[in-house]
């Protein structure tokens, strides 16, 4: 049986600045190593496989400090706010 209700995610704390710092660091590490950061991040977010993120400068460990859903919530909120 399929549940027709939509799951709701709610985060009590604003983690925007934490996410910004984390993502800035990870993006920089990916670019420095010659990776396409968008492709690598999409792979990470879709699969949950941390090996999409380079270990260079500890970026893999840093991105894992926050849950993927927490990161995506902030990223998508920021994107949607810019569309307004």
Protein backbone atom coordinates (compact mmCIF):
# COMPACT_ATOMS: atom_id res chain seq x y z
CA UNK A 1 0.00 0.00 0.00
CA UNK A 2 1.34 3.42 -0.96
CA UNK A 3 1.08 6.25 1.53
CA UNK A 4 -0.20 9.31 -0.32
CA UNK A 5 0.88 11.78 2.34
CA UNK A 6 3.90 13.97 1.73
CA UNK A 7 6.75 13.71 4.20
CA UNK A 8 7.62 17.03 5.80
CA UNK A 9 11.06 18.01 6.88
CA UNK A 10 11.49 20.71 9.49
CA UNK A 11 14.74 22.03 10.87
CA UNK A 12 14.59 24.15 13.99
CA UNK A 13 17.98 25.82 13.76
CA UNK A 14 19.14 28.07 10.95
CA UNK A 15 22.33 26.48 9.72
CA UNK A 16 22.76 28.76 6.71
CA UNK A 17 26.16 30.14 7.74
CA UNK A 18 27.49 26.70 8.69
CA UNK A 19 26.40 25.31 5.34
CA UNK A 20 27.89 28.27 3.48
CA UNK A 21 31.28 27.81 5.13
CA UNK A 22 31.23 24.05 4.66
CA UNK A 23 30.19 24.20 1.00
CA UNK A 24 32.68 26.98 0.21
CA UNK A 25 35.49 24.86 1.61
CA UNK A 26 34.39 21.68 -0.17
CA UNK A 27 33.87 23.49 -3.50
CA UNK A 28 37.34 24.98 -3.25
CA UNK A 29 38.95 21.61 -2.50
CA UNK A 30 37.15 19.95 -5.42
CA UNK A 31 38.18 22.73 -7.81
CA UNK A 32 41.79 22.67 -6.61
CA UNK A 33 41.96 18.95 -7.37
CA UNK A 34 40.54 19.54 -10.86
CA UNK A 35 37.10 18.04 -10.31
CA UNK A 36 33.82 19.47 -11.56
CA UNK A 37 32.30 20.35 -8.18
CA UNK A 38 28.69 20.30 -9.43
CA UNK A 39 29.02 16.77 -10.82
CA UNK A 40 30.76 15.54 -7.69
CA UNK A 41 28.22 17.11 -5.34
CA UNK A 42 25.26 15.76 -7.31
CA UNK A 43 26.82 12.29 -7.12
CA UNK A 44 27.29 12.66 -3.38
CA UNK A 45 23.80 13.98 -2.70
CA UNK A 46 22.09 11.39 -4.91
CA UNK A 47 24.02 8.34 -3.74
CA UNK A 48 25.22 9.22 -0.26
CA UNK A 49 28.63 7.88 -1.28
CA UNK A 50 31.26 10.14 0.34
CA UNK A 51 33.91 9.05 -2.16
CA UNK A 52 32.42 11.57 -4.60
CA UNK A 53 34.09 14.20 -2.39
CA UNK A 54 37.87 14.44 -2.42
CA UNK A 55 39.81 13.71 0.73
CA UNK A 56 42.08 16.64 -0.18
CA UNK A 57 42.32 19.09 2.74
CA UNK A 58 39.91 16.85 4.67
CA UNK A 59 36.94 17.92 2.50
CA UNK A 60 35.28 14.48 2.72
CA UNK A 61 35.28 14.56 6.49
CA UNK A 62 34.09 18.14 6.54
CA UNK A 63 31.07 17.53 4.31
CA UNK A 64 30.09 14.58 6.48
CA UNK A 65 29.84 16.84 9.54
CA UNK A 66 26.29 17.62 8.44
CA UNK A 67 23.59 15.32 7.18
CA UNK A 68 22.88 15.47 3.45
CA UNK A 69 19.25 16.45 4.06
CA UNK A 70 20.36 19.37 6.23
CA UNK A 71 22.75 20.58 3.53
CA UNK A 72 20.14 20.21 0.80
CA UNK A 73 17.49 22.02 2.84
CA UNK A 74 19.69 25.11 3.13
CA UNK A 75 20.94 24.94 -0.47
CA UNK A 76 17.43 24.60 -1.90
CA UNK A 77 16.00 27.29 0.39
CA UNK A 78 18.74 29.71 -0.69
CA UNK A 79 18.15 28.88 -4.35
CA UNK A 80 14.38 29.35 -4.08
CA UNK A 81 14.77 32.66 -2.26
CA UNK A 82 16.89 33.95 -5.14
CA UNK A 83 14.12 33.07 -7.60
CA UNK A 84 11.68 35.46 -5.92
